[in-house]
Amino acid sequence: MMQTIDLDRLTGNGKVHNLSGHVRGLAARTEFGLDDLDTASAQVRVIVPDHVYSLSPSFVQGLFSASVKALGNNPATFFSHYEIVASELVRRQIDRAMLNITLDRDFTAN
């Protein structure tokens, strides 16, 4: 059964439109239990609500760096395990952050 992570839980009922900060990403990682989901056999759907128009690279790195590392430091493998449901704009922001994650060993060491 597919697991679902809804980032709307982090937006204060739609009051927040920009999720940013490495520490906040790490806190979200813990809140959603990503360490366990990284090794789950089922695919995980991550929903970014339409009212969120920005995910900073540092937030994405805090949220997903350890997942990328756990899944072989390969964005394609990450995206086959984590299905991202987001606007095209947010999806491009996540894709750019993935480049940072795979190129910057400091973030993948978390």
PDB file of N, CA and C in Angstrom:
ATOM      1  N   MET A   1       0.839  -1.188   0.000  1.00  0.00           N
ATOM      2  CA  MET A   1       0.000   0.000   0.000  1.00  0.00           C
ATOM      3  C   MET A   1       0.879   1.244   0.000  1.00  0.00           C
ATOM      4  N   MET A   2       0.551   2.184  -0.862  1.00  0.00           N
ATOM      5  CA  MET A   2       1.344   3.408  -0.977  1.00  0.00           C
ATOM      6  C   MET A   2       1.161   4.291   0.263  1.00  0.00           C
ATOM      7  N   GLN A   3       2.274   4.786   0.775  1.00  0.00           N
ATOM      8  CA  GLN A   3       2.275   5.766   1.856  1.00  0.00           C
ATOM      9  C   GLN A   3       2.132   7.157   1.252  1.00  0.00           C
ATOM     10  N   THR A   4       1.561   8.090   2.005  1.00  0.00           N
ATOM     11  CA  THR A   4       1.418   9.457   1.521  1.00  0.00           C
ATOM     12  C   THR A   4       1.944  10.436   2.565  1.00  0.00           C
ATOM     13  N   ILE A   5       2.735  11.379   2.084  1.00  0.00           N
ATOM     14  CA  ILE A   5       3.208  12.498   2.894  1.00  0.00           C
ATOM     15  C   ILE A   5       2.579  13.746   2.304  1.00  0.00           C
ATOM     16  N   ASP A   6       1.851  14.490   3.113  1.00  0.00           N
ATOM     17  CA  ASP A   6       1.223  15.720   2.643  1.00  0.00           C
ATOM     18  C   ASP A   6       1.899  16.899   3.340  1.00  0.00           C
ATOM     19  N   LEU A   7       2.659  17.661   2.564  1.00  0.00           N
ATOM     20  CA  LEU A   7       3.391  18.798   3.142  1.00  0.00           C
ATOM     21  C   LEU A   7       2.457  19.905   3.617  1.00  0.00           C
ATOM     22  N   ASP A   8       1.167  19.775   3.345  1.00  0.00           N
ATOM     23  CA  ASP A   8       0.211  20.746   3.852  1.00  0.00           C
ATOM     24  C   ASP A   8       0.258  20.807   5.383  1.00  0.00           C
ATOM     25  N   ARG A   9       0.649  19.708   6.026  1.00  0.00           N
ATOM     26  CA  ARG A   9       0.766  19.697   7.492  1.00  0.00           C
ATOM     27  C   ARG A   9       1.754  20.738   7.997  1.00  0.00           C
ATOM     28  N   LEU A  10       2.651  21.194   7.121  1.00  0.00           N
ATOM     29  CA  LEU A  10       3.673  22.160   7.533  1.00  0.00           C
ATOM     30  C   LEU A  10       3.281  23.608   7.238  1.00  0.00           C
ATOM     31  N   THR A  11       2.097  23.815   6.677  1.00  0.00           N
ATOM     32  CA  THR A  11       1.757  25.150   6.176  1.00  0.00           C
ATOM     33  C   THR A  11       0.790  25.939   7.045  1.00  0.00           C
ATOM     34  N   GLY A  12       0.418  25.429   8.210  1.00  0.00           N
ATOM     35  CA  GLY A  12      -0.503  26.177   9.061  1.00  0.00           C
ATOM     36  C   GLY A  12      -1.822  26.455   8.376  1.00  0.00           C
ATOM     37  N   ASN A  13      -2.420  25.413   7.819  1.00  0.00           N
ATOM     38  CA  ASN A  13      -3.703  25.547   7.115  1.00  0.00           C
ATOM     39  C   ASN A  13      -3.631  26.525   5.953  1.00  0.00           C
ATOM     40  N   GLY A  14      -2.534  26.463   5.213  1.00  0.00           N
ATOM     41  CA  GLY A  14      -2.399  27.282   4.019  1.00  0.00           C
ATOM     42  C   GLY A  14      -1.824  28.666   4.239  1.00  0.00           C
ATOM     43  N   LYS A  15      -1.413  28.972   5.453  1.00  0.00           N
ATOM     44  CA  LYS A  15      -0.859  30.296   5.740  1.00  0.00           C
ATOM     45  C   LYS A  15       0.570  30.438   5.228  1.00  0.00           C
ATOM     46  N   VAL A  16       1.287  29.321   5.139  1.00  0.00           N
ATOM     47  CA  VAL A  16       2.682  29.326   4.686  1.00  0.00           C
ATOM     48  C   VAL A  16       2.715  28.914   3.218  1.00  0.00           C
ATOM     49  N   HIS A  17       3.428  29.705   2.408  1.00  0.00           N
ATOM     50  CA  HIS A  17       3.520  29.442   0.973  1.00  0.00           C
ATOM     51  C   HIS A  17       4.942  29.107   0.537  1.00  0.00           C
ATOM     52  N   ASN A  18       5.881  29.191   1.470  1.00  0.00           N
ATOM     53  CA  ASN A  18       7.293  28.956   1.172  1.00  0.00           C
ATOM     54  C   ASN A  18       7.882  28.102   2.289  1.00  0.00           C
ATOM     55  N   LEU A  19       8.328  26.914   1.949  1.00  0.00           N
ATOM     56  CA  LEU A  19       8.987  26.062   2.932  1.00  0.00           C
ATOM     57  C   LEU A  19      10.492  26.194   2.721  1.00  0.00           C
ATOM     58  N   SER A  20      11.176  26.638   3.761  1.00  0.00           N
ATOM     59  CA  SER A  20      12.601  26.910   3.604  1.00  0.00           C
ATOM     60  C   SER A  20      13.359  26.531   4.868  1.00  0.00           C
ATOM     61  N   GLY A  21      14.657  26.387   4.688  1.00  0.00           N
ATOM     62  CA  GLY A  21      15.564  26.143   5.805  1.00  0.00           C
ATOM     63  C   GLY A  21      15.912  24.681   5.981  1.00  0.00           C
ATOM     64  N   HIS A  22      17.214  24.424   6.063  1.00  0.00           N
ATOM     65  CA  HIS A  22      17.717  23.066   6.239  1.00  0.00           C
ATOM     66  C   HIS A  22      17.184  22.436   7.524  1.00  0.00           C
ATOM     67  N   VAL A  23      17.204  23.200   8.610  1.00  0.00           N
ATOM     68  CA  VAL A  23      16.746  22.681   9.907  1.00  0.00           C
ATOM     69  C   VAL A  23      15.262  22.328   9.834  1.00  0.00           C
ATOM     70  N   ARG A  24      14.483  23.161   9.171  1.00  0.00           N
ATOM     71  CA  ARG A  24      13.053  22.865   9.023  1.00  0.00           C
ATOM     72  C   ARG A  24      12.847  21.609   8.165  1.00  0.00           C
ATOM     73  N   GLY A  25      13.669  21.435   7.137  1.00  0.00           N
ATOM     74  CA  GLY A  25      13.599  20.224   6.333  1.00  0.00           C
ATOM     75  C   GLY A  25      13.941  18.985   7.141  1.00  0.00           C
ATOM     76  N   LEU A  26      14.967  19.086   7.986  1.00  0.00           N
ATOM     77  CA  LEU A  26      15.334  17.962   8.862  1.00  0.00           C
ATOM     78  C   LEU A  26      14.205  17.639   9.842  1.00  0.00           C
ATOM     79  N   ALA A  27      13.567  18.686  10.383  1.00  0.00           N
ATOM     80  CA  ALA A  27      12.450  18.468  11.308  1.00  0.00           C
ATOM     81  C   ALA A  27      11.282  17.792  10.593  1.00  0.00           C
ATOM     82  N   ALA A  28      11.018  18.197   9.356  1.00  0.00           N
ATOM     83  CA  ALA A  28       9.950  17.576   8.576  1.00  0.00           C
ATOM     84  C   ALA A  28      10.293  16.117   8.282  1.00  0.00           C
ATOM     85  N   ARG A  29      11.545  15.842   8.001  1.00  0.00           N
ATOM     86  CA  ARG A  29      12.004  14.470   7.757  1.00  0.00           C
ATOM     87  C   ARG A  29      11.678  13.580   8.954  1.00  0.00           C
ATOM     88  N   THR A  30      11.959  14.090  10.143  1.00  0.00           N
ATOM     89  CA  THR A  30      11.660  13.350  11.366  1.00  0.00           C
ATOM     90  C   THR A  30      10.159  13.211  11.559  1.00  0.00           C
ATOM     91  N   GLU A  31       9.429  14.300  11.382  1.00  0.00           N
ATOM     92  CA  GLU A  31       7.973  14.290  11.570  1.00  0.00           C
ATOM     93  C   GLU A  31       7.284  13.260  10.676  1.00  0.00           C
ATOM     94  N   PHE A  32       7.746  13.152   9.438  1.00  0.00           N
ATOM     95  CA  PHE A  32       7.123  12.234   8.484  1.00  0.00           C
ATOM     96  C   PHE A  32       7.736  10.828   8.501  1.00  0.00           C
ATOM     97  N   GLY A  33       8.776  10.621   9.298  1.00  0.00           N
ATOM     98  CA  GLY A  33       9.367   9.292   9.434  1.00  0.00           C
ATOM     99  C   GLY A  33      10.050   8.788   8.171  1.00  0.00           C
ATOM    100  N   LEU A  34      10.771   9.680   7.478  1.00  0.00           N
ATOM    101  CA  LEU A  34      11.386   9.294   6.212  1.00  0.00           C
ATOM    102  C   LEU A  34      12.458   8.219   6.349  1.00  0.00           C
ATOM    103  N   ASP A  35      13.142   8.140   7.475  1.00  0.00           N
ATOM    104  CA  ASP A  35      14.151   7.083   7.632  1.00  0.00           C
ATOM    105  C   ASP A  35      13.505   5.710   7.442  1.00  0.00           C
ATOM    106  N   ASP A  36      12.317   5.531   8.000  1.00  0.00           N
ATOM    107  CA  ASP A  36      11.607   4.254   7.838  1.00  0.00           C
ATOM    108  C   ASP A  36      11.045   4.106   6.428  1.00  0.00           C
ATOM    109  N   LEU A  37      10.544   5.207   5.856  1.00  0.00           N
ATOM    110  CA  LEU A  37       9.950   5.138   4.519  1.00  0.00           C
ATOM    111  C   LEU A  37      10.998   4.871   3.441  1.00  0.00           C
ATOM    112  N   ASP A  38      12.243   5.277   3.681  1.00  0.00           N
ATOM    113  CA  ASP A  38      13.321   5.022   2.708  1.00  0.00           C
ATOM    114  C   ASP A  38      13.483   3.530   2.439  1.00  0.00           C
ATOM    115  N   THR A  39      13.253   2.724   3.459  1.00  0.00           N
ATOM    116  CA  THR A  39      13.464   1.285   3.323  1.00  0.00           C
ATOM    117  C   THR A  39      12.164   0.511   3.122  1.00  0.00           C
ATOM    118  N   ALA A  40      11.041   1.212   3.093  1.00  0.00           N
ATOM    119  CA  ALA A  40       9.756   0.543   2.871  1.00  0.00           C
ATOM    120  C   ALA A  40       9.688   0.018   1.441  1.00  0.00           C
ATOM    121  N   SER A  41       9.004  -1.071   1.263  1.00  0.00           N
ATOM    122  CA  SER A  41       8.888  -1.639  -0.084  1.00  0.00           C
ATOM    123  C   SER A  41       7.912  -0.861  -0.951  1.00  0.00           C
ATOM    124  N   ALA A  42       6.947  -0.217  -0.344  1.00  0.00           N
ATOM    125  CA  ALA A  42       5.938   0.520  -1.105  1.00  0.00           C
ATOM    126  C   ALA A  42       6.449   1.899  -1.512  1.00  0.00           C
ATOM    127  N   GLN A  43       5.965   2.354  -2.642  1.00  0.00           N
ATOM    128  CA  GLN A  43       6.279   3.703  -3.103  1.00  0.00           C
ATOM    129  C   GLN A  43       5.637   4.711  -2.150  1.00  0.00           C
ATOM    130  N   VAL A  44       6.239   5.897  -2.053  1.00  0.00           N
ATOM    131  CA  VAL A  44       5.760   6.958  -1.176  1.00  0.00           C
ATOM    132  C   VAL A  44       5.368   8.152  -2.041  1.00  0.00           C
ATOM    133  N   ARG A  45       4.145   8.624  -1.854  1.00  0.00           N
ATOM    134  CA  ARG A  45       3.675   9.814  -2.578  1.00  0.00           C
ATOM    135  C   ARG A  45       3.885  11.022  -1.674  1.00  0.00           C
ATOM    136  N   VAL A  46       4.547  12.052  -2.209  1.00  0.00           N
ATOM    137  CA  VAL A  46       4.769  13.302  -1.489  1.00  0.00           C
ATOM    138  C   VAL A  46       3.940  14.373  -2.181  1.00  0.00           C
ATOM    139  N   ILE A  47       2.976  14.919  -1.449  1.00  0.00           N
ATOM    140  CA  ILE A  47       2.083  15.926  -2.013  1.00  0.00           C
ATOM    141  C   ILE A  47       2.520  17.306  -1.532  1.00  0.00           C
ATOM    142  N   VAL A  48       2.780  18.185  -2.496  1.00  0.00           N
ATOM    143  CA  VAL A  48       3.067  19.586  -2.201  1.00  0.00           C
ATOM    144  C   VAL A  48       1.817  20.360  -2.611  1.00  0.00           C
ATOM    145  N   PRO A  49       1.098  20.953  -1.651  1.00  0.00           N
ATOM    146  CA  PRO A  49      -0.161  21.614  -1.996  1.00  0.00           C
ATOM    147  C   PRO A  49       0.058  22.780  -2.958  1.00  0.00           C
ATOM    148  N   ASP A  50      -0.969  23.084  -3.719  1.00  0.00           N
ATOM    149  CA  ASP A  50      -0.876  24.138  -4.725  1.00  0.00           C
ATOM    150  C   ASP A  50      -0.563  25.508  -4.145  1.00  0.00           C
ATOM    151  N   HIS A  51      -0.932  25.751  -2.894  1.00  0.00           N
ATOM    152  CA  HIS A  51      -0.660  27.069  -2.309  1.00  0.00           C
ATOM    153  C   HIS A  51       0.799  27.235  -1.899  1.00  0.00           C
ATOM    154  N   VAL A  52       1.597  26.169  -1.950  1.00  0.00           N
ATOM    155  CA  VAL A  52       3.039  26.275  -1.708  1.00  0.00           C
ATOM    156  C   VAL A  52       3.706  26.529  -3.053  1.00  0.00           C
ATOM    157  N   TYR A  53       4.313  27.683  -3.176  1.00  0.00           N
ATOM    158  CA  TYR A  53       4.936  28.058  -4.447  1.00  0.00           C
ATOM    159  C   TYR A  53       6.454  28.001  -4.403  1.00  0.00           C
ATOM    160  N   SER A  54       7.014  27.665  -3.229  1.00  0.00           N
ATOM    161  CA  SER A  54       8.471  27.608  -3.154  1.00  0.00           C
ATOM    162  C   SER A  54       8.926  26.608  -2.102  1.00  0.00           C
ATOM    163  N   LEU A  55       9.828  25.723  -2.524  1.00  0.00           N
ATOM    164  CA  LEU A  55      10.574  24.863  -1.615  1.00  0.00           C
ATOM    165  C   LEU A  55      12.037  25.232  -1.811  1.00  0.00           C
ATOM    166  N   SER A  56      12.644  25.794  -0.790  1.00  0.00           N
ATOM    167  CA  SER A  56      14.039  26.207  -0.943  1.00  0.00           C
ATOM    168  C   SER A  56      14.931  24.982  -1.069  1.00  0.00           C
ATOM    169  N   PRO A  57      16.066  25.145  -1.766  1.00  0.00           N
ATOM    170  CA  PRO A  57      17.008  24.025  -1.866  1.00  0.00           C
ATOM    171  C   PRO A  57      17.428  23.500  -0.499  1.00  0.00           C
ATOM    172  N   SER A  58      17.603  24.387   0.469  1.00  0.00           N
ATOM    173  CA  SER A  58      18.040  23.938   1.792  1.00  0.00           C
ATOM    174  C   SER A  58      16.953  23.098   2.470  1.00  0.00           C
ATOM    175  N   PHE A  59      15.687  23.451   2.282  1.00  0.00           N
ATOM    176  CA  PHE A  59      14.597  22.653   2.840  1.00  0.00           C
ATOM    177  C   PHE A  59      14.575  21.266   2.194  1.00  0.00           C
ATOM    178  N   VAL A  60      14.653  21.232   0.879  1.00  0.00           N
ATOM    179  CA  VAL A  60      14.631  19.959   0.152  1.00  0.00           C
ATOM    180  C   VAL A  60      15.824  19.101   0.576  1.00  0.00           C
ATOM    181  N   GLN A  61      16.981  19.716   0.732  1.00  0.00           N
ATOM    182  CA  GLN A  61      18.166  18.977   1.142  1.00  0.00           C
ATOM    183  C   GLN A  61      17.989  18.404   2.543  1.00  0.00           C
ATOM    184  N   GLY A  62      17.443  19.191   3.461  1.00  0.00           N
ATOM    185  CA  GLY A  62      17.189  18.677   4.803  1.00  0.00           C
ATOM    186  C   GLY A  62      16.187  17.541   4.797  1.00  0.00           C
ATOM    187  N   LEU A  63      15.163  17.666   3.970  1.00  0.00           N
ATOM    188  CA  LEU A  63      14.105  16.664   3.905  1.00  0.00           C
ATOM    189  C   LEU A  63      14.553  15.379   3.215  1.00  0.00           C
ATOM    190  N   PHE A  64      15.286  15.504   2.115  1.00  0.00           N
ATOM    191  CA  PHE A  64      15.523  14.343   1.256  1.00  0.00           C
ATOM    192  C   PHE A  64      16.970  13.875   1.096  1.00  0.00           C
ATOM    193  N   SER A  65      17.962  14.609   1.586  1.00  0.00           N
ATOM    194  CA  SER A  65      19.360  14.186   1.358  1.00  0.00           C
ATOM    195  C   SER A  65      19.638  12.779   1.849  1.00  0.00           C
ATOM    196  N   ALA A  66      19.216  12.463   3.060  1.00  0.00           N
ATOM    197  CA  ALA A  66      19.479  11.128   3.593  1.00  0.00           C
ATOM    198  C   ALA A  66      18.745  10.059   2.784  1.00  0.00           C
ATOM    199  N   SER A  67      17.582  10.416   2.231  1.00  0.00           N
ATOM    200  CA  SER A  67      16.838   9.469   1.395  1.00  0.00           C
ATOM    201  C   SER A  67      17.584   9.195   0.103  1.00  0.00           C
ATOM    202  N   VAL A  68      18.102  10.249  -0.508  1.00  0.00           N
ATOM    203  CA  VAL A  68      18.863  10.080  -1.749  1.00  0.00           C
ATOM    204  C   VAL A  68      20.066   9.189  -1.481  1.00  0.00           C
ATOM    205  N   LYS A  69      20.757   9.440  -0.378  1.00  0.00           N
ATOM    206  CA  LYS A  69      21.918   8.618  -0.024  1.00  0.00           C
ATOM    207  C   LYS A  69      21.501   7.166   0.214  1.00  0.00           C
ATOM    208  N   ALA A  70      20.413   6.963   0.947  1.00  0.00           N
ATOM    209  CA  ALA A  70      19.940   5.606   1.244  1.00  0.00           C
ATOM    210  C   ALA A  70      19.539   4.856  -0.025  1.00  0.00           C
ATOM    211  N   LEU A  71      19.144   5.603  -1.047  1.00  0.00           N
ATOM    212  CA  LEU A  71      18.700   4.992  -2.300  1.00  0.00           C
ATOM    213  C   LEU A  71      19.796   5.042  -3.366  1.00  0.00           C
ATOM    214  N   GLY A  72      21.047   5.066  -2.932  1.00  0.00           N
ATOM    215  CA  GLY A  72      22.177   4.929  -3.842  1.00  0.00           C
ATOM    216  C   GLY A  72      22.686   6.213  -4.458  1.00  0.00           C
ATOM    217  N   ASN A  73      22.298   7.361  -3.894  1.00  0.00           N
ATOM    218  CA  ASN A  73      22.738   8.663  -4.402  1.00  0.00           C
ATOM    219  C   ASN A  73      22.361   8.845  -5.878  1.00  0.00           C
ATOM    220  N   ASN A  74      21.212   8.320  -6.234  1.00  0.00           N
ATOM    221  CA  ASN A  74      20.748   8.349  -7.618  1.00  0.00           C
ATOM    222  C   ASN A  74      19.360   8.988  -7.661  1.00  0.00           C
ATOM    223  N   PRO A  75      19.228  10.188  -8.240  1.00  0.00           N
ATOM    224  CA  PRO A  75      17.918  10.842  -8.293  1.00  0.00           C
ATOM    225  C   PRO A  75      16.842   9.996  -8.971  1.00  0.00           C
ATOM    226  N   ALA A  76      17.193   9.250 -10.007  1.00  0.00           N
ATOM    227  CA  ALA A  76      16.190   8.426 -10.689  1.00  0.00           C
ATOM    228  C   ALA A  76      15.623   7.370  -9.744  1.00  0.00           C
ATOM    229  N   THR A  77      16.482   6.761  -8.947  1.00  0.00           N
ATOM    230  CA  THR A  77      16.029   5.771  -7.970  1.00  0.00           C
ATOM    231  C   THR A  77      15.174   6.443  -6.904  1.00  0.00           C
ATOM    232  N   PHE A  78      15.609   7.624  -6.461  1.00  0.00           N
ATOM    233  CA  PHE A  78      14.821   8.382  -5.482  1.00  0.00           C
ATOM    234  C   PHE A  78      13.422   8.645  -6.027  1.00  0.00           C
ATOM    235  N   PHE A  79      13.338   9.163  -7.252  1.00  0.00           N
ATOM    236  CA  PHE A  79      12.036   9.518  -7.813  1.00  0.00           C
ATOM    237  C   PHE A  79      11.187   8.302  -8.160  1.00  0.00           C
ATOM    238  N   SER A  80      11.792   7.132  -8.288  1.00  0.00           N
ATOM    239  CA  SER A  80      10.972   5.933  -8.482  1.00  0.00           C
ATOM    240  C   SER A  80      10.386   5.460  -7.149  1.00  0.00           C
ATOM    241  N   HIS A  81      11.042   5.801  -6.043  1.00  0.00           N
ATOM    242  CA  HIS A  81      10.527   5.432  -4.715  1.00  0.00           C
ATOM    243  C   HIS A  81       9.595   6.518  -4.165  1.00  0.00           C
ATOM    244  N   TYR A  82       9.966   7.768  -4.371  1.00  0.00           N
ATOM    245  CA  TYR A  82       9.173   8.907  -3.898  1.00  0.00           C
ATOM    246  C   TYR A  82       8.524   9.595  -5.094  1.00  0.00           C
ATOM    247  N   GLU A  83       7.215   9.451  -5.205  1.00  0.00           N
ATOM    248  CA  GLU A  83       6.467  10.122  -6.270  1.00  0.00           C
ATOM    249  C   GLU A  83       6.111  11.517  -5.772  1.00  0.00           C
ATOM    250  N   ILE A  84       6.592  12.537  -6.456  1.00  0.00           N
ATOM    251  CA  ILE A  84       6.351  13.921  -6.055  1.00  0.00           C
ATOM    252  C   ILE A  84       5.150  14.457  -6.829  1.00  0.00           C
ATOM    253  N   VAL A  85       4.142  14.914  -6.103  1.00  0.00           N
ATOM    254  CA  VAL A  85       2.958  15.522  -6.703  1.00  0.00           C
ATOM    255  C   VAL A  85       3.032  17.015  -6.363  1.00  0.00           C
ATOM    256  N   ALA A  86       3.374  17.813  -7.375  1.00  0.00           N
ATOM    257  CA  ALA A  86       3.599  19.240  -7.149  1.00  0.00           C
ATOM    258  C   ALA A  86       3.403  20.000  -8.450  1.00  0.00           C
ATOM    259  N   SER A  87       3.285  21.307  -8.328  1.00  0.00           N
ATOM    260  CA  SER A  87       3.213  22.139  -9.525  1.00  0.00           C
ATOM    261  C   SER A  87       4.522  22.021 -10.304  1.00  0.00           C
ATOM    262  N   GLU A  88       4.475  22.401 -11.543  1.00  0.00           N
ATOM    263  CA  GLU A  88       5.685  22.352 -12.378  1.00  0.00           C
ATOM    264  C   GLU A  88       6.789  23.233 -11.788  1.00  0.00           C
ATOM    265  N   LEU A  89       6.424  24.390 -11.266  1.00  0.00           N
ATOM    266  CA  LEU A  89       7.408  25.299 -10.666  1.00  0.00           C
ATOM    267  C   LEU A  89       8.101  24.639  -9.477  1.00  0.00           C
ATOM    268  N   VAL A  90       7.337  24.056  -8.578  1.00  0.00           N
ATOM    269  CA  VAL A  90       7.918  23.409  -7.401  1.00  0.00           C
ATOM    270  C   VAL A  90       8.723  22.183  -7.818  1.00  0.00           C
ATOM    271  N   ARG A  91       8.233  21.468  -8.801  1.00  0.00           N
ATOM    272  CA  ARG A  91       8.973  20.284  -9.283  1.00  0.00           C
ATOM    273  C   ARG A  91      10.355  20.684  -9.817  1.00  0.00           C
ATOM    274  N   ARG A  92      10.436  21.800 -10.535  1.00  0.00           N
ATOM    275  CA  ARG A  92      11.740  22.277 -11.018  1.00  0.00           C
ATOM    276  C   ARG A  92      12.646  22.653  -9.841  1.00  0.00           C
ATOM    277  N   GLN A  93      12.083  23.242  -8.801  1.00  0.00           N
ATOM    278  CA  GLN A  93      12.872  23.587  -7.617  1.00  0.00           C
ATOM    279  C   GLN A  93      13.426  22.326  -6.959  1.00  0.00           C
ATOM    280  N   ILE A  94      12.622  21.290  -6.887  1.00  0.00           N
ATOM    281  CA  ILE A  94      13.071  20.023  -6.305  1.00  0.00           C
ATOM    282  C   ILE A  94      14.164  19.406  -7.174  1.00  0.00           C
ATOM    283  N   ASP A  95      13.977  19.456  -8.490  1.00  0.00           N
ATOM    284  CA  ASP A  95      14.994  18.907  -9.398  1.00  0.00           C
ATOM    285  C   ASP A  95      16.334  19.618  -9.226  1.00  0.00           C
ATOM    286  N   ARG A  96      16.306  20.954  -9.080  1.00  0.00           N
ATOM    287  CA  ARG A  96      17.553  21.706  -8.861  1.00  0.00           C
ATOM    288  C   ARG A  96      18.196  21.314  -7.532  1.00  0.00           C
ATOM    289  N   ALA A  97      17.385  21.149  -6.512  1.00  0.00           N
ATOM    290  CA  ALA A  97      17.921  20.739  -5.209  1.00  0.00           C
ATOM    291  C   ALA A  97      18.544  19.344  -5.294  1.00  0.00           C
ATOM    292  N   MET A  98      17.961  18.468  -6.106  1.00  0.00           N
ATOM    293  CA  MET A  98      18.526  17.120  -6.283  1.00  0.00           C
ATOM    294  C   MET A  98      19.937  17.195  -6.855  1.00  0.00           C
ATOM    295  N   LEU A  99      20.154  18.118  -7.774  1.00  0.00           N
ATOM    296  CA  LEU A  99      21.512  18.311  -8.301  1.00  0.00           C
ATOM    297  C   LEU A  99      22.463  18.687  -7.180  1.00  0.00           C
ATOM    298  N   ASN A 100      22.035  19.602  -6.315  1.00  0.00           N
ATOM    299  CA  ASN A 100      22.877  19.997  -5.179  1.00  0.00           C
ATOM    300  C   ASN A 100      23.150  18.814  -4.267  1.00  0.00           C
ATOM    301  N   ILE A 101      22.123  18.010  -4.011  1.00  0.00           N
ATOM    302  CA  ILE A 101      22.270  16.869  -3.110  1.00  0.00           C
ATOM    303  C   ILE A 101      23.290  15.878  -3.666  1.00  0.00           C
ATOM    304  N   THR A 102      23.180  15.555  -4.943  1.00  0.00           N
ATOM    305  CA  THR A 102      24.062  14.534  -5.502  1.00  0.00           C
ATOM    306  C   THR A 102      25.476  15.042  -5.749  1.00  0.00           C
ATOM    307  N   LEU A 103      25.646  16.350  -5.850  1.00  0.00           N
ATOM    308  CA  LEU A 103      26.972  16.906  -6.098  1.00  0.00           C
ATOM    309  C   LEU A 103      27.696  17.341  -4.833  1.00  0.00           C
ATOM    310  N   ASP A 104      26.945  17.649  -3.764  1.00  0.00           N
ATOM    311  CA  ASP A 104      27.532  18.192  -2.544  1.00  0.00           C
ATOM    312  C   ASP A 104      27.569  17.115  -1.470  1.00  0.00           C
ATOM    313  N   ARG A 105      28.714  16.567  -1.224  1.00  0.00           N
ATOM    314  CA  ARG A 105      28.873  15.478  -0.267  1.00  0.00           C
ATOM    315  C   ARG A 105      28.536  15.904   1.161  1.00  0.00           C
ATOM    316  N   ASP A 106      28.605  17.213   1.477  1.00  0.00           N
ATOM    317  CA  ASP A 106      28.274  17.661   2.819  1.00  0.00           C
ATOM    318  C   ASP A 106      26.820  17.361   3.154  1.00  0.00           C
ATOM    319  N   PHE A 107      25.914  17.520   2.178  1.00  0.00           N
ATOM    320  CA  PHE A 107      24.507  17.281   2.441  1.00  0.00           C
ATOM    321  C   PHE A 107      24.197  15.793   2.476  1.00  0.00           C
ATOM    322  N   THR A 108      24.861  14.991   1.648  1.00  0.00           N
ATOM    323  CA  THR A 108      24.547  13.570   1.639  1.00  0.00           C
ATOM    324  C   THR A 108      25.125  12.854   2.854  1.00  0.00           C
ATOM    325  N   ALA A 109      25.960  13.543   3.630  1.00  0.00           N
ATOM    326  CA  ALA A 109      26.536  12.923   4.814  1.00  0.00           C
ATOM    327  C   ALA A 109      25.575  12.929   5.993  1.00  0.00           C
ATOM    328  N   ASN A 110      24.455  13.637   5.886  1.00  0.00           N
ATOM    329  CA  ASN A 110      23.502  13.720   7.001  1.00  0.00           C
ATOM    330  C   ASN A 110      22.801  12.413   7.242  1.00  0.00           C
TER     331      ASN A 110
END
